[in-house]
Amino acid sequence: MQRNPGAKTIEGELEEALFRAGAVTEIDRGKPKQYDFTRCARTDKGVSAVGQVVSGRFHVDPPGFVDRLNANLPDQIRVFGYRRVPEKFSSKKFCDRRRYVYLLPVFALDPFTHRDREAVMASLGSGEEYVKCFECSERGRKNKITGVVGKLKGDSFDAKSLDVRSDITSNNSCALSKFCYGEEEKERFNRILSYYVGSYNFHNFTTRIKADDPAANRSIISFTANTVISLDGIDFIKCEVLGQSFMLHQIRKMMGLAVAIMRNCAPESLIDTAFSK
């Protein structure tokens, strides 16, 4: 849900449908700020929400506004209804919670598949050394990594020396993996995800925000992974996170750390370390 010049997006289709349905004037066409257009959540490029709420100043008369909108929208996009709201209402500012669902392949939690370089190196060191390794990875692996495997430059590491298979595909990993998301694994993964619940400083889970920036403080209401669904013969874990608001890359970084802990590539205490300034 955003505008990407040169690409078709849900927001772009909706804006054009609003104009064609008579809700937006010709002079305001393509200028959403002119009619105070806002959406309750903004999704990343190439990602779309199942449901959204938008707000703005629209001409809804005569009756049949929703039908006119849907008649000008692609079949994949539907408007279900509208409500009149106070003049200063903003769907973005007045949204008090947002729910995101991530589908994670079960085999992704198997500690014996896809052991990448950082995971292998981290498993040989302490939690502090893992943080150093992670920081190095974030900077493009240009810095030296010390304290994990002696003094070693990131670009000189030979994965073959640790018998790491790099040519295995996701499907093959799933086929070879006997990992099962049973009750014990579910209990542990949900415990790890529960560490995120509450109000914390998530500056380490986004980009371009400093630790002392108040915008880094976010509240997570719940984070669970209780359901397994099957798609094309592959089992996926349904991970649901409910929070007031999220920053760029925050959820995927939260998921990444939780997966690393489940795969025994990082200690559970690393989440508390990530929350510290």
C-alpha atoms as a PDB file:
ATOM      1  CA  MET A   1       0.000   0.000   0.000  1.00  0.00           C
ATOM      2  CA  GLN A   2       2.094   2.839  -1.342  1.00  0.00           C
ATOM      3  CA  ARG A   3       2.879   4.679  -4.550  1.00  0.00           C
ATOM      4  CA  ASN A   4       5.712   3.349  -6.718  1.00  0.00           C
ATOM      5  CA  PRO A   5       6.283   5.406  -9.876  1.00  0.00           C
ATOM      6  CA  GLY A   6       6.289   3.142 -12.906  1.00  0.00           C
ATOM      7  CA  ALA A   7       4.607   0.234 -11.101  1.00  0.00           C
ATOM      8  CA  LYS A   8       0.989  -0.689 -10.459  1.00  0.00           C
ATOM      9  CA  THR A   9       0.041  -0.580  -6.788  1.00  0.00           C
ATOM     10  CA  ILE A  10      -3.189  -0.940  -4.834  1.00  0.00           C
ATOM     11  CA  GLU A  11      -2.912   2.651  -3.661  1.00  0.00           C
ATOM     12  CA  GLY A  12      -2.414   3.902  -7.208  1.00  0.00           C
ATOM     13  CA  GLU A  13      -5.402   1.897  -8.470  1.00  0.00           C
ATOM     14  CA  LEU A  14      -7.563   3.195  -5.614  1.00  0.00           C
ATOM     15  CA  GLU A  15      -6.590   6.809  -6.285  1.00  0.00           C
ATOM     16  CA  GLU A  16      -7.547   6.478  -9.947  1.00  0.00           C
ATOM     17  CA  ALA A  17     -10.821   4.730  -9.038  1.00  0.00           C
ATOM     18  CA  LEU A  18     -11.677   7.564  -6.634  1.00  0.00           C
ATOM     19  CA  PHE A  19     -11.271  10.030  -9.487  1.00  0.00           C
ATOM     20  CA  ARG A  20     -13.288   7.962 -11.972  1.00  0.00           C
ATOM     21  CA  ALA A  21     -16.052   7.475  -9.376  1.00  0.00           C
ATOM     22  CA  GLY A  22     -16.331  11.236  -8.937  1.00  0.00           C
ATOM     23  CA  ALA A  23     -14.946  11.240  -5.390  1.00  0.00           C
ATOM     24  CA  VAL A  24     -11.921  13.356  -6.383  1.00  0.00           C
ATOM     25  CA  THR A  25     -11.968  16.363  -8.702  1.00  0.00           C
ATOM     26  CA  GLU A  26      -9.898  16.699 -11.868  1.00  0.00           C
ATOM     27  CA  ILE A  27      -7.711  19.390 -10.286  1.00  0.00           C
ATOM     28  CA  ASP A  28      -6.825  17.049  -7.372  1.00  0.00           C
ATOM     29  CA  ARG A  29      -6.221  13.974  -9.530  1.00  0.00           C
ATOM     30  CA  GLY A  30      -2.854  12.424  -8.683  1.00  0.00           C
ATOM     31  CA  LYS A  31      -2.416  14.769  -5.702  1.00  0.00           C
ATOM     32  CA  PRO A  32      -3.558  12.777  -2.645  1.00  0.00           C
ATOM     33  CA  LYS A  33      -2.316  15.428  -0.208  1.00  0.00           C
ATOM     34  CA  GLN A  34      -4.872  17.826  -1.635  1.00  0.00           C
ATOM     35  CA  TYR A  35      -7.709  15.694  -0.282  1.00  0.00           C
ATOM     36  CA  ASP A  36      -5.929  14.526   2.914  1.00  0.00           C
ATOM     37  CA  PHE A  37      -5.529  10.917   1.803  1.00  0.00           C
ATOM     38  CA  THR A  38      -4.025   8.636   4.488  1.00  0.00           C
ATOM     39  CA  ARG A  39      -3.869   4.871   5.065  1.00  0.00           C
ATOM     40  CA  CYS A  40      -3.715   3.081   8.396  1.00  0.00           C
ATOM     41  CA  ALA A  41      -0.573   1.144   7.425  1.00  0.00           C
ATOM     42  CA  ARG A  42       2.076   1.424   4.738  1.00  0.00           C
ATOM     43  CA  THR A  43       3.445  -1.830   3.360  1.00  0.00           C
ATOM     44  CA  ASP A  44       6.862  -2.449   1.844  1.00  0.00           C
ATOM     45  CA  LYS A  45       7.440  -2.436  -1.898  1.00  0.00           C
ATOM     46  CA  GLY A  46       5.873  -5.509  -3.483  1.00  0.00           C
ATOM     47  CA  VAL A  47       3.864  -6.329  -0.340  1.00  0.00           C
ATOM     48  CA  SER A  48       0.116  -5.813   0.083  1.00  0.00           C
ATOM     49  CA  ALA A  49      -2.126  -6.013   3.124  1.00  0.00           C
ATOM     50  CA  VAL A  50      -5.179  -8.263   3.180  1.00  0.00           C
ATOM     51  CA  GLY A  51      -7.215  -5.393   4.601  1.00  0.00           C
ATOM     52  CA  GLN A  52      -6.672  -1.642   4.860  1.00  0.00           C
ATOM     53  CA  VAL A  53      -8.486   1.456   6.070  1.00  0.00           C
ATOM     54  CA  VAL A  54      -7.977   4.754   4.250  1.00  0.00           C
ATOM     55  CA  SER A  55      -9.359   8.210   4.936  1.00  0.00           C
ATOM     56  CA  GLY A  56      -9.714  11.494   3.085  1.00  0.00           C
ATOM     57  CA  ARG A  57     -12.119  14.160   1.855  1.00  0.00           C
ATOM     58  CA  PHE A  58     -14.224  12.508  -0.843  1.00  0.00           C
ATOM     59  CA  HIS A  59     -17.420  13.373  -2.732  1.00  0.00           C
ATOM     60  CA  VAL A  60     -19.599  10.356  -1.928  1.00  0.00           C
ATOM     61  CA  ASP A  61     -22.932  11.518  -3.402  1.00  0.00           C
ATOM     62  CA  PRO A  62     -25.092  10.340  -5.093  1.00  0.00           C
ATOM     63  CA  PRO A  63     -25.906   6.974  -3.445  1.00  0.00           C
ATOM     64  CA  GLY A  64     -23.991   3.955  -4.680  1.00  0.00           C
ATOM     65  CA  PHE A  65     -20.501   5.261  -3.894  1.00  0.00           C
ATOM     66  CA  VAL A  66     -19.052   1.814  -3.060  1.00  0.00           C
ATOM     67  CA  ASP A  67     -20.508   0.256  -6.221  1.00  0.00           C
ATOM     68  CA  ARG A  68     -19.028   3.045  -8.351  1.00  0.00           C
ATOM     69  CA  LEU A  69     -15.623   2.537  -6.775  1.00  0.00           C
ATOM     70  CA  ASN A  70     -15.627  -1.223  -7.277  1.00  0.00           C
ATOM     71  CA  ALA A  71     -16.726  -0.787 -10.888  1.00  0.00           C
ATOM     72  CA  ASN A  72     -13.505   1.142 -11.501  1.00  0.00           C
ATOM     73  CA  LEU A  73     -11.205  -1.208  -9.569  1.00  0.00           C
ATOM     74  CA  PRO A  74      -9.505  -4.437 -10.721  1.00  0.00           C
ATOM     75  CA  ASP A  75     -11.225  -7.636  -9.598  1.00  0.00           C
ATOM     76  CA  GLN A  76      -8.430  -8.271  -7.063  1.00  0.00           C
ATOM     77  CA  ILE A  77      -9.241  -5.042  -5.173  1.00  0.00           C
ATOM     78  CA  ARG A  78     -12.579  -4.517  -3.418  1.00  0.00           C
ATOM     79  CA  VAL A  79     -14.006  -1.732  -1.268  1.00  0.00           C
ATOM     80  CA  PHE A  80     -16.361  -3.035   1.440  1.00  0.00           C
ATOM     81  CA  GLY A  81     -17.820   0.180   2.794  1.00  0.00           C
ATOM     82  CA  TYR A  82     -17.287   3.685   4.122  1.00  0.00           C
ATOM     83  CA  ARG A  83     -18.176   5.803   7.146  1.00  0.00           C
ATOM     84  CA  ARG A  84     -18.374   9.537   7.681  1.00  0.00           C
ATOM     85  CA  VAL A  85     -15.835  10.729  10.250  1.00  0.00           C
ATOM     86  CA  PRO A  86     -14.879  14.030  11.931  1.00  0.00           C
ATOM     87  CA  GLU A  87     -13.010  16.521   9.762  1.00  0.00           C
ATOM     88  CA  LYS A  88      -9.630  15.998  11.463  1.00  0.00           C
ATOM     89  CA  PHE A  89      -9.802  12.189  11.365  1.00  0.00           C
ATOM     90  CA  SER A  90      -6.715  10.390  10.037  1.00  0.00           C
ATOM     91  CA  SER A  91      -6.710   6.628   9.524  1.00  0.00           C
ATOM     92  CA  LYS A  92      -2.958   6.620  10.163  1.00  0.00           C
ATOM     93  CA  LYS A  93      -2.945   8.671  13.376  1.00  0.00           C
ATOM     94  CA  PHE A  94      -6.117   7.169  14.847  1.00  0.00           C
ATOM     95  CA  CYS A  95      -5.159   3.532  14.216  1.00  0.00           C
ATOM     96  CA  ASP A  96      -4.263   2.103  17.640  1.00  0.00           C
ATOM     97  CA  ARG A  97      -3.082  -1.346  16.518  1.00  0.00           C
ATOM     98  CA  ARG A  98      -1.943  -3.222  13.434  1.00  0.00           C
ATOM     99  CA  ARG A  99      -1.750  -6.963  12.810  1.00  0.00           C
ATOM    100  CA  TYR A 100       0.820  -8.632  10.598  1.00  0.00           C
ATOM    101  CA  VAL A 101       1.013 -12.327   9.690  1.00  0.00           C
ATOM    102  CA  TYR A 102       4.242 -13.976   8.546  1.00  0.00           C
ATOM    103  CA  LEU A 103       4.347 -17.472   7.061  1.00  0.00           C
ATOM    104  CA  LEU A 104       7.604 -19.148   8.049  1.00  0.00           C
ATOM    105  CA  PRO A 105       8.618 -22.519   6.534  1.00  0.00           C
ATOM    106  CA  VAL A 106       8.889 -25.099   9.306  1.00  0.00           C
ATOM    107  CA  PHE A 107      12.251 -26.274   7.984  1.00  0.00           C
ATOM    108  CA  ALA A 108      13.629 -22.733   8.546  1.00  0.00           C
ATOM    109  CA  LEU A 109      13.755 -23.543  12.272  1.00  0.00           C
ATOM    110  CA  ASP A 110      15.792 -26.714  11.704  1.00  0.00           C
ATOM    111  CA  PRO A 111      19.291 -26.000  13.084  1.00  0.00           C
ATOM    112  CA  PHE A 112      20.792 -28.503  10.632  1.00  0.00           C
ATOM    113  CA  THR A 113      19.711 -26.764   7.390  1.00  0.00           C
ATOM    114  CA  HIS A 114      21.123 -23.633   5.774  1.00  0.00           C
ATOM    115  CA  ARG A 115      23.975 -23.101   8.220  1.00  0.00           C
ATOM    116  CA  ASP A 116      25.307 -19.861   6.732  1.00  0.00           C
ATOM    117  CA  ARG A 117      28.640 -18.315   7.566  1.00  0.00           C
ATOM    118  CA  GLU A 118      27.430 -15.999  10.329  1.00  0.00           C
ATOM    119  CA  ALA A 119      25.492 -18.797  12.023  1.00  0.00           C
ATOM    120  CA  VAL A 120      28.488 -21.126  12.013  1.00  0.00           C
ATOM    121  CA  MET A 121      30.845 -18.481  13.315  1.00  0.00           C
ATOM    122  CA  ALA A 122      28.392 -17.350  15.969  1.00  0.00           C
ATOM    123  CA  SER A 123      27.898 -20.896  17.194  1.00  0.00           C
ATOM    124  CA  LEU A 124      31.612 -21.046  17.944  1.00  0.00           C
ATOM    125  CA  GLY A 125      31.607 -17.942  20.120  1.00  0.00           C
ATOM    126  CA  SER A 126      29.739 -16.176  22.896  1.00  0.00           C
ATOM    127  CA  GLY A 127      26.725 -13.917  22.644  1.00  0.00           C
ATOM    128  CA  GLU A 128      28.988 -10.876  22.694  1.00  0.00           C
ATOM    129  CA  GLU A 129      30.973 -12.246  19.783  1.00  0.00           C
ATOM    130  CA  TYR A 130      27.741 -12.867  17.897  1.00  0.00           C
ATOM    131  CA  VAL A 131      26.840  -9.198  18.281  1.00  0.00           C
ATOM    132  CA  LYS A 132      30.224  -8.241  16.820  1.00  0.00           C
ATOM    133  CA  CYS A 133      29.661 -10.631  13.938  1.00  0.00           C
ATOM    134  CA  PHE A 134      26.169  -9.253  13.314  1.00  0.00           C
ATOM    135  CA  GLU A 135      27.415  -5.660  13.354  1.00  0.00           C
ATOM    136  CA  CYS A 136      30.086  -6.598  10.842  1.00  0.00           C
ATOM    137  CA  SER A 137      27.489  -8.217   8.592  1.00  0.00           C
ATOM    138  CA  GLU A 138      25.305  -5.106   8.745  1.00  0.00           C
ATOM    139  CA  ARG A 139      28.218  -2.970   7.527  1.00  0.00           C
ATOM    140  CA  GLY A 140      28.730  -5.161   4.508  1.00  0.00           C
ATOM    141  CA  ARG A 141      31.357  -7.446   6.069  1.00  0.00           C
ATOM    142  CA  LYS A 142      34.063  -4.824   5.481  1.00  0.00           C
ATOM    143  CA  ASN A 143      35.432  -4.896   9.015  1.00  0.00           C
ATOM    144  CA  LYS A 144      37.562  -7.509  10.673  1.00  0.00           C
ATOM    145  CA  ILE A 145      35.895 -10.090  12.896  1.00  0.00           C
ATOM    146  CA  THR A 146      37.871 -10.889  15.997  1.00  0.00           C
ATOM    147  CA  GLY A 147      37.268 -13.199  18.909  1.00  0.00           C
ATOM    148  CA  VAL A 148      35.267 -15.770  16.961  1.00  0.00           C
ATOM    149  CA  VAL A 149      37.751 -17.642  14.786  1.00  0.00           C
ATOM    150  CA  GLY A 150      40.973 -15.914  15.685  1.00  0.00           C
ATOM    151  CA  LYS A 151      41.620 -12.814  13.596  1.00  0.00           C
ATOM    152  CA  LEU A 152      39.816 -13.272  10.336  1.00  0.00           C
ATOM    153  CA  LYS A 153      38.615 -10.976   7.582  1.00  0.00           C
ATOM    154  CA  GLY A 154      35.019 -11.576   6.597  1.00  0.00           C
ATOM    155  CA  ASP A 155      35.817 -11.827   2.884  1.00  0.00           C
ATOM    156  CA  SER A 156      38.520 -14.454   3.424  1.00  0.00           C
ATOM    157  CA  PHE A 157      36.350 -16.951   5.275  1.00  0.00           C
ATOM    158  CA  ASP A 158      36.216 -20.386   3.644  1.00  0.00           C
ATOM    159  CA  ALA A 159      32.864 -22.016   4.334  1.00  0.00           C
ATOM    160  CA  LYS A 160      34.125 -25.328   2.956  1.00  0.00           C
ATOM    161  CA  SER A 161      36.502 -25.681   5.891  1.00  0.00           C
ATOM    162  CA  LEU A 162      33.477 -26.041   8.149  1.00  0.00           C
ATOM    163  CA  ASP A 163      31.668 -28.457   5.840  1.00  0.00           C
ATOM    164  CA  VAL A 164      28.908 -25.968   5.115  1.00  0.00           C
ATOM    165  CA  ARG A 165      26.773 -26.904   2.118  1.00  0.00           C
ATOM    166  CA  SER A 166      25.909 -23.783   0.131  1.00  0.00           C
ATOM    167  CA  ASP A 167      24.295 -25.456  -2.878  1.00  0.00           C
ATOM    168  CA  ILE A 168      21.214 -26.807  -1.137  1.00  0.00           C
ATOM    169  CA  THR A 169      17.875 -25.324  -2.170  1.00  0.00           C
ATOM    170  CA  SER A 170      14.909 -24.499   0.010  1.00  0.00           C
ATOM    171  CA  ASN A 171      12.839 -27.365  -1.373  1.00  0.00           C
ATOM    172  CA  ASN A 172      15.675 -29.838  -0.899  1.00  0.00           C
ATOM    173  CA  SER A 173      16.185 -28.559   2.625  1.00  0.00           C
ATOM    174  CA  CYS A 174      12.540 -29.196   3.376  1.00  0.00           C
ATOM    175  CA  ALA A 175      12.719 -32.671   1.875  1.00  0.00           C
ATOM    176  CA  LEU A 176      15.870 -33.587   3.767  1.00  0.00           C
ATOM    177  CA  SER A 177      14.802 -31.995   7.037  1.00  0.00           C
ATOM    178  CA  LYS A 178      12.985 -34.188   9.535  1.00  0.00           C
ATOM    179  CA  PHE A 179      12.362 -31.207  11.800  1.00  0.00           C
ATOM    180  CA  CYS A 180       8.845 -31.138  13.221  1.00  0.00           C
ATOM    181  CA  TYR A 181       7.086 -28.158  14.778  1.00  0.00           C
ATOM    182  CA  GLY A 182       5.699 -30.147  17.677  1.00  0.00           C
ATOM    183  CA  GLU A 183       4.426 -29.019  21.053  1.00  0.00           C
ATOM    184  CA  GLU A 184       7.920 -28.648  22.520  1.00  0.00           C
ATOM    185  CA  GLU A 185       9.136 -26.557  19.576  1.00  0.00           C
ATOM    186  CA  LYS A 186       5.938 -24.511  19.597  1.00  0.00           C
ATOM    187  CA  GLU A 187       6.281 -23.773  23.304  1.00  0.00           C
ATOM    188  CA  ARG A 188       9.896 -22.666  22.883  1.00  0.00           C
ATOM    189  CA  PHE A 189       9.264 -20.504  19.799  1.00  0.00           C
ATOM    190  CA  ASN A 190       6.294 -18.787  21.451  1.00  0.00           C
ATOM    191  CA  ARG A 191       8.395 -18.147  24.543  1.00  0.00           C
ATOM    192  CA  ILE A 192      11.054 -16.489  22.390  1.00  0.00           C
ATOM    193  CA  LEU A 193       8.463 -14.367  20.581  1.00  0.00           C
ATOM    194  CA  SER A 194       6.919 -13.339  23.913  1.00  0.00           C
ATOM    195  CA  TYR A 195      10.152 -11.511  24.808  1.00  0.00           C
ATOM    196  CA  TYR A 196       9.110  -8.849  22.299  1.00  0.00           C
ATOM    197  CA  VAL A 197       5.758  -8.210  23.998  1.00  0.00           C
ATOM    198  CA  GLY A 198       5.707  -4.903  25.849  1.00  0.00           C
ATOM    199  CA  SER A 199       7.132  -1.429  25.275  1.00  0.00           C
ATOM    200  CA  TYR A 200      10.801  -1.385  24.284  1.00  0.00           C
ATOM    201  CA  ASN A 201      13.395   0.541  22.329  1.00  0.00           C
ATOM    202  CA  PHE A 202      13.537  -1.202  18.939  1.00  0.00           C
ATOM    203  CA  HIS A 203      16.340   0.915  17.434  1.00  0.00           C
ATOM    204  CA  ASN A 204      18.323  -2.240  16.620  1.00  0.00           C
ATOM    205  CA  PHE A 205      15.414  -3.613  14.594  1.00  0.00           C
ATOM    206  CA  THR A 206      15.260  -0.839  12.003  1.00  0.00           C
ATOM    207  CA  THR A 207      17.549   1.497  10.074  1.00  0.00           C
ATOM    208  CA  ARG A 208      18.469   5.172  10.274  1.00  0.00           C
ATOM    209  CA  ILE A 209      17.063   5.626  13.789  1.00  0.00           C
ATOM    210  CA  LYS A 210      19.357   6.283  16.736  1.00  0.00           C
ATOM    211  CA  ALA A 211      18.943   4.697  20.150  1.00  0.00           C
ATOM    212  CA  ASP A 212      18.014   8.011  21.792  1.00  0.00           C
ATOM    213  CA  ASP A 213      15.311   8.794  19.225  1.00  0.00           C
ATOM    214  CA  PRO A 214      11.847   8.601  20.875  1.00  0.00           C
ATOM    215  CA  ALA A 215      10.508   7.173  17.594  1.00  0.00           C
ATOM    216  CA  ALA A 216      12.373   3.935  18.367  1.00  0.00           C
ATOM    217  CA  ASN A 217      10.047   3.207  21.293  1.00  0.00           C
ATOM    218  CA  ARG A 218       7.310   0.825  20.165  1.00  0.00           C
ATOM    219  CA  SER A 219       4.722  -1.378  21.873  1.00  0.00           C
ATOM    220  CA  ILE A 220       3.997  -4.989  20.943  1.00  0.00           C
ATOM    221  CA  ILE A 221       0.660  -6.313  22.201  1.00  0.00           C
ATOM    222  CA  SER A 222       1.065  -9.975  21.242  1.00  0.00           C
ATOM    223  CA  PHE A 223       3.324 -12.215  19.146  1.00  0.00           C
ATOM    224  CA  THR A 224       2.337 -15.854  18.628  1.00  0.00           C
ATOM    225  CA  ALA A 225       3.100 -18.806  16.348  1.00  0.00           C
ATOM    226  CA  ASN A 226       0.499 -21.473  17.093  1.00  0.00           C
ATOM    227  CA  THR A 227      -0.812 -22.607  13.714  1.00  0.00           C
ATOM    228  CA  VAL A 228       0.803 -24.698  10.971  1.00  0.00           C
ATOM    229  CA  ILE A 229      -0.652 -24.619   7.454  1.00  0.00           C
ATOM    230  CA  SER A 230       0.380 -26.560   4.355  1.00  0.00           C
ATOM    231  CA  LEU A 231       0.972 -24.885   0.983  1.00  0.00           C
ATOM    232  CA  ASP A 232       2.088 -26.919  -2.035  1.00  0.00           C
ATOM    233  CA  GLY A 233       3.195 -29.722   0.254  1.00  0.00           C
ATOM    234  CA  ILE A 234       5.336 -27.479   2.474  1.00  0.00           C
ATOM    235  CA  ASP A 235       4.406 -26.745   6.099  1.00  0.00           C
ATOM    236  CA  PHE A 236       4.430 -23.110   7.198  1.00  0.00           C
ATOM    237  CA  ILE A 237       4.136 -21.626  10.687  1.00  0.00           C
ATOM    238  CA  LYS A 238       1.636 -18.780  10.935  1.00  0.00           C
ATOM    239  CA  CYS A 239       3.344 -16.054  12.990  1.00  0.00           C
ATOM    240  CA  GLU A 240       0.986 -13.266  14.082  1.00  0.00           C
ATOM    241  CA  VAL A 241       2.199 -10.019  15.626  1.00  0.00           C
ATOM    242  CA  LEU A 242      -0.109  -7.319  16.965  1.00  0.00           C
ATOM    243  CA  GLY A 243       1.322  -3.915  17.796  1.00  0.00           C
ATOM    244  CA  GLN A 244       0.515  -0.225  17.869  1.00  0.00           C
ATOM    245  CA  SER A 245       2.909   0.627  15.032  1.00  0.00           C
ATOM    246  CA  PHE A 246       6.025  -0.720  13.352  1.00  0.00           C
ATOM    247  CA  MET A 247       9.154   0.759  11.801  1.00  0.00           C
ATOM    248  CA  LEU A 248      10.900  -0.105   8.549  1.00  0.00           C
ATOM    249  CA  HIS A 249      12.153  -3.723   8.579  1.00  0.00           C
ATOM    250  CA  GLN A 250      11.201  -4.085  12.279  1.00  0.00           C
ATOM    251  CA  ILE A 251       9.093  -7.233  11.987  1.00  0.00           C
ATOM    252  CA  ARG A 252      11.430  -9.075   9.624  1.00  0.00           C
ATOM    253  CA  LYS A 253      14.382  -8.312  11.926  1.00  0.00           C
ATOM    254  CA  MET A 254      12.382  -9.499  14.943  1.00  0.00           C
ATOM    255  CA  MET A 255      11.571 -12.694  13.072  1.00  0.00           C
ATOM    256  CA  GLY A 256      15.175 -13.106  11.978  1.00  0.00           C
ATOM    257  CA  LEU A 257      16.520 -12.938  15.526  1.00  0.00           C
ATOM    258  CA  ALA A 258      13.816 -15.293  16.818  1.00  0.00           C
ATOM    259  CA  VAL A 259      14.689 -17.813  14.094  1.00  0.00           C
ATOM    260  CA  ALA A 260      18.404 -17.485  14.889  1.00  0.00           C
ATOM    261  CA  ILE A 261      17.671 -18.281  18.537  1.00  0.00           C
ATOM    262  CA  MET A 262      15.492 -21.258  17.619  1.00  0.00           C
ATOM    263  CA  ARG A 263      18.296 -22.567  15.407  1.00  0.00           C
ATOM    264  CA  ASN A 264      20.727 -22.214  18.347  1.00  0.00           C
ATOM    265  CA  CYS A 265      22.738 -19.607  16.444  1.00  0.00           C
ATOM    266  CA  ALA A 266      22.191 -16.963  19.128  1.00  0.00           C
ATOM    267  CA  PRO A 267      21.387 -16.942  22.864  1.00  0.00           C
ATOM    268  CA  GLU A 268      17.956 -15.867  24.093  1.00  0.00           C
ATOM    269  CA  SER A 269      19.642 -13.101  26.084  1.00  0.00           C
ATOM    270  CA  LEU A 270      20.513 -11.385  22.791  1.00  0.00           C
ATOM    271  CA  ILE A 271      16.989  -9.944  22.616  1.00  0.00           C
ATOM    272  CA  ASP A 272      17.572  -8.005  25.844  1.00  0.00           C
ATOM    273  CA  THR A 273      20.935  -6.906  24.459  1.00  0.00           C
ATOM    274  CA  ALA A 274      19.210  -5.634  21.309  1.00  0.00           C
ATOM    275  CA  PHE A 275      16.799  -3.556  23.409  1.00  0.00           C
ATOM    276  CA  SER A 276      19.647  -1.819  25.247  1.00  0.00           C
ATOM    277  CA  LYS A 277      21.021   1.516  24.095  1.00  0.00           C
END
